[in-house]
Amino acid sequence: MHSLPDDNKIHLWRTQFPVTTSQPVREQKKSWQKLTHDWIDDILISQYGLSKEEAHIDYHDSGKPYLSNLADKVNISISHSFELASFAISSIPEMGIDLEKKIPKKNLNMLWEKLNRFEESLTAERFYAVWTQLEAYTKAQGSSIVESQYITEKLLSLPKEKLIHGVFNEKSWYFYTDENDNSTLSIALHSNAPVEVNCLSESINA
């Protein structure tokens, strides 16, 4: 059982759902989305001791999720990519997460070319890091980015490290990025001090 995270702490949960070869990916995506929300609901109740009412997730007009009965105490962010899912919970108001499964570059030509305009010889590792950081920042803001060129240039100017800090529109932001052979995940949060990220996981059996 976990307590809700204190100030300047984030609990990061990740999982992977079963993949079947007998069902088209498009149909499985719908199933994975439902499984993601069921999984988060179960985590909030079984791991944090929340009631069904407290674990209820609602959405702002922007699409940003929140716990409607605990919005004054904690914030959440959700991301899923194919069979991979993640969510973060924190007391930090402006916090967003993005998870992307690595797929062949040919399926990402438009995004790749967009970022490649700012940095020549863009590697796949760098591409996924900046892409997820950009998406996580968008989710943290709770709105679409109208200054994507400015944000992209700023992100590309930051060090290539797991935890980086930058000032965006006179606000202090931290970005935590975790990468493995299968996926890249980034958390963006507005904070004036480094944040402790506790990585948790729960397996989903086929």
Protein backbone atom coordinates (compact mmCIF):
# COMPACT_ATOMS: atom_id res chain seq x y z
CA MET A 1 0.00 0.00 0.00
CA HIS A 2 1.32 3.45 -0.94
CA SER A 3 0.58 6.88 0.47
CA LEU A 4 -0.26 9.64 -1.99
CA PRO A 5 3.02 11.34 -3.01
CA ASP A 6 4.23 14.30 -0.95
CA ASP A 7 5.38 17.64 -2.35
CA ASN A 8 8.00 17.37 -5.10
CA LYS A 9 7.50 13.64 -5.52
CA ILE A 10 6.00 11.72 -8.42
CA HIS A 11 4.83 8.12 -8.51
CA LEU A 12 5.26 6.67 -11.99
CA TRP A 13 3.42 3.48 -12.93
CA ARG A 14 4.03 1.46 -16.10
CA THR A 15 2.64 -1.74 -17.55
CA GLN A 16 2.31 -3.76 -20.73
CA PHE A 17 -0.86 -5.50 -21.88
CA PRO A 18 -1.09 -8.77 -23.82
CA VAL A 19 -0.78 -8.70 -27.61
CA THR A 20 -2.66 -11.21 -29.76
CA THR A 21 -1.79 -12.08 -33.35
CA SER A 22 -5.36 -13.15 -34.13
CA GLN A 23 -6.81 -9.65 -33.78
CA PRO A 24 -6.01 -6.53 -35.86
CA VAL A 25 -3.98 -3.86 -34.03
CA ARG A 26 -6.75 -1.30 -34.63
CA GLU A 27 -9.22 -3.43 -32.69
CA GLN A 28 -6.69 -4.18 -29.97
CA LYS A 29 -6.10 -0.44 -29.47
CA LYS A 30 -9.67 -0.01 -28.26
CA SER A 31 -9.20 -2.87 -25.85
CA TRP A 32 -5.88 -1.47 -24.61
CA GLN A 33 -7.46 1.93 -23.92
CA LYS A 34 -10.15 0.33 -21.77
CA LEU A 35 -7.59 -1.88 -20.04
CA THR A 36 -5.51 1.21 -19.28
CA HIS A 37 -8.35 2.94 -17.44
CA ASP A 38 -9.35 -0.25 -15.62
CA TRP A 39 -5.72 -0.75 -14.60
CA ILE A 40 -5.39 2.80 -13.25
CA ASP A 41 -8.68 2.47 -11.38
CA ASP A 42 -7.43 -0.73 -9.76
CA ILE A 43 -4.08 0.84 -8.82
CA LEU A 44 -5.74 3.85 -7.19
CA ILE A 45 -8.01 1.62 -5.13
CA SER A 46 -5.72 -1.33 -4.29
CA GLN A 47 -2.39 0.51 -3.99
CA TYR A 48 -3.49 3.86 -2.54
CA GLY A 49 -6.58 2.80 -0.65
CA LEU A 50 -8.89 5.22 -2.45
CA SER A 51 -12.61 4.61 -2.57
CA LYS A 52 -14.38 4.06 -5.90
CA GLU A 53 -15.64 7.65 -5.72
CA GLU A 54 -12.19 9.06 -4.94
CA ALA A 55 -10.66 7.10 -7.81
CA HIS A 56 -13.14 8.47 -10.34
CA ILE A 57 -11.33 10.05 -13.30
CA ASP A 58 -12.86 12.97 -15.16
CA TYR A 59 -11.49 15.16 -17.95
CA HIS A 60 -11.15 18.90 -18.48
CA ASP A 61 -12.29 20.36 -21.80
CA SER A 62 -8.64 20.26 -22.84
CA GLY A 63 -8.59 16.48 -22.34
CA LYS A 64 -6.39 16.66 -19.23
CA PRO A 65 -7.46 13.96 -16.72
CA TYR A 66 -8.06 14.59 -13.02
CA LEU A 67 -9.51 12.88 -9.98
CA SER A 68 -12.76 14.79 -9.67
CA ASN A 69 -13.08 14.19 -5.92
CA LEU A 70 -9.41 14.76 -5.07
CA ALA A 71 -8.48 17.54 -7.50
CA ASP A 72 -7.35 19.79 -4.64
CA LYS A 73 -4.85 17.17 -3.39
CA VAL A 74 -3.31 15.29 -6.30
CA ASN A 75 -2.93 15.44 -10.06
CA ILE A 76 -2.61 12.63 -12.56
CA SER A 77 -1.43 12.24 -16.13
CA ILE A 78 -2.03 9.26 -18.42
CA SER A 79 -0.33 7.99 -21.56
CA HIS A 80 -0.58 4.83 -23.63
CA SER A 81 1.06 3.71 -26.84
CA PHE A 82 -0.18 0.47 -28.38
CA GLU A 83 0.07 -2.20 -25.64
CA LEU A 84 2.18 0.02 -23.34
CA ALA A 85 0.57 2.18 -20.66
CA SER A 86 1.70 4.54 -17.93
CA PHE A 87 0.35 7.07 -15.51
CA ALA A 88 1.84 9.47 -12.99
CA ILE A 89 0.38 10.83 -9.79
CA SER A 90 1.69 13.88 -7.92
CA SER A 91 0.65 16.91 -5.92
CA ILE A 92 2.39 19.13 -8.49
CA PRO A 93 -0.33 21.02 -10.45
CA GLU A 94 1.46 21.31 -13.80
CA MET A 95 2.66 17.78 -14.59
CA GLY A 96 2.34 15.75 -17.77
CA ILE A 97 3.55 12.39 -19.04
CA ASP A 98 4.04 10.91 -22.50
CA LEU A 99 4.94 7.36 -23.50
CA GLU A 100 5.79 6.32 -27.04
CA LYS A 101 6.48 2.86 -28.36
CA LYS A 102 9.37 2.86 -30.80
CA ILE A 103 8.20 2.10 -34.31
CA PRO A 104 9.97 2.23 -37.69
CA LYS A 105 11.07 5.71 -38.73
CA LYS A 106 9.13 5.48 -42.01
CA ASN A 107 5.87 5.80 -40.03
CA LEU A 108 7.05 9.06 -38.46
CA ASN A 109 8.36 10.93 -41.48
CA MET A 110 6.43 14.15 -40.89
CA LEU A 111 7.41 14.44 -37.22
CA TRP A 112 10.97 13.39 -37.96
CA GLU A 113 11.38 15.99 -40.68
CA LYS A 114 9.88 18.67 -38.42
CA LEU A 115 12.45 18.05 -35.67
CA ASN A 116 15.26 17.46 -38.16
CA ARG A 117 14.89 21.09 -39.30
CA PHE A 118 16.22 22.14 -35.90
CA GLU A 119 18.97 19.54 -35.47
CA GLU A 120 20.84 17.91 -38.33
CA SER A 121 21.58 14.17 -38.19
CA LEU A 122 18.83 13.62 -35.64
CA THR A 123 19.22 10.18 -34.04
CA ALA A 124 16.26 7.96 -33.20
CA GLU A 125 17.13 8.23 -29.49
CA ARG A 126 17.14 12.03 -29.63
CA PHE A 127 13.95 12.10 -31.70
CA TYR A 128 11.92 10.06 -29.21
CA ALA A 129 13.32 11.99 -26.23
CA VAL A 130 12.37 15.40 -27.63
CA TRP A 131 9.04 14.18 -29.01
CA THR A 132 7.93 12.76 -25.65
CA GLN A 133 9.21 15.82 -23.79
CA LEU A 134 7.21 18.07 -26.12
CA GLU A 135 4.05 15.98 -25.69
CA ALA A 136 4.49 15.78 -21.90
CA TYR A 137 4.88 19.56 -21.74
CA THR A 138 1.66 19.94 -23.74
CA LYS A 139 -0.23 17.68 -21.32
CA ALA A 140 1.19 19.50 -18.31
CA GLN A 141 -0.10 22.78 -19.70
CA GLY A 142 -3.50 21.25 -20.39
CA SER A 143 -3.68 22.84 -23.82
CA SER A 144 -2.20 22.62 -27.29
CA ILE A 145 1.18 24.19 -27.87
CA VAL A 146 0.95 27.37 -29.90
CA GLU A 147 4.71 27.97 -29.65
CA SER A 148 5.87 24.54 -30.80
CA GLN A 149 8.87 25.95 -32.68
CA TYR A 150 10.04 27.88 -29.61
CA ILE A 151 9.53 24.86 -27.31
CA THR A 152 11.24 22.46 -29.75
CA GLU A 153 14.28 24.71 -30.10
CA LYS A 154 14.52 25.07 -26.33
CA LEU A 155 14.31 21.32 -25.77
CA LEU A 156 16.97 20.61 -28.39
CA SER A 157 19.26 23.13 -26.71
CA LEU A 158 19.10 21.31 -23.35
CA PRO A 159 21.59 18.60 -22.30
CA LYS A 160 20.96 15.00 -23.37
CA GLU A 161 20.45 13.70 -19.85
CA LYS A 162 17.82 11.70 -17.94
CA LEU A 163 16.84 14.71 -15.81
CA ILE A 164 17.09 18.15 -17.40
CA HIS A 165 16.05 21.64 -16.39
CA GLY A 166 15.00 24.58 -18.54
CA VAL A 167 13.20 27.91 -18.32
CA PHE A 168 10.20 28.23 -20.64
CA ASN A 169 8.33 31.53 -20.79
CA GLU A 170 9.98 32.57 -17.50
CA LYS A 171 8.83 29.37 -15.72
CA SER A 172 11.10 26.65 -14.33
CA TRP A 173 10.51 23.21 -15.86
CA TYR A 174 12.05 19.81 -15.21
CA PHE A 175 11.98 16.91 -17.68
CA TYR A 176 12.56 13.31 -16.66
CA THR A 177 13.14 10.92 -19.58
CA ASP A 178 13.49 7.15 -19.42
CA GLU A 179 14.34 5.06 -22.47
CA ASN A 180 14.70 1.36 -23.21
CA ASP A 181 14.84 -0.74 -26.38
CA ASN A 182 11.05 -0.74 -26.72
CA SER A 183 9.87 2.72 -25.68
CA THR A 184 10.62 6.22 -24.45
CA LEU A 185 8.79 7.96 -21.61
CA SER A 186 9.04 11.58 -20.47
CA ILE A 187 7.56 13.56 -17.59
CA ALA A 188 7.35 17.36 -17.74
CA LEU A 189 6.64 19.38 -14.63
CA HIS A 190 6.68 22.98 -13.53
CA SER A 191 8.76 23.10 -10.36
CA ASN A 192 11.40 25.33 -8.81
CA ALA A 193 13.35 22.36 -7.44
CA PRO A 194 14.33 18.87 -8.64
CA VAL A 195 11.67 16.24 -8.15
CA GLU A 196 11.99 12.68 -6.89
CA VAL A 197 10.49 10.17 -9.34
CA ASN A 198 9.55 6.80 -7.85
CA CYS A 199 9.21 4.27 -10.66
CA LEU A 200 6.64 1.58 -9.97
CA SER A 201 5.21 -1.11 -12.21
CA GLU A 202 2.60 -3.82 -12.28
CA SER A 203 2.47 -6.71 -14.70
CA ILE A 204 -0.67 -7.67 -16.60
CA ASN A 205 -0.77 -11.34 -17.44
CA ALA A 206 -2.23 -12.69 -20.65
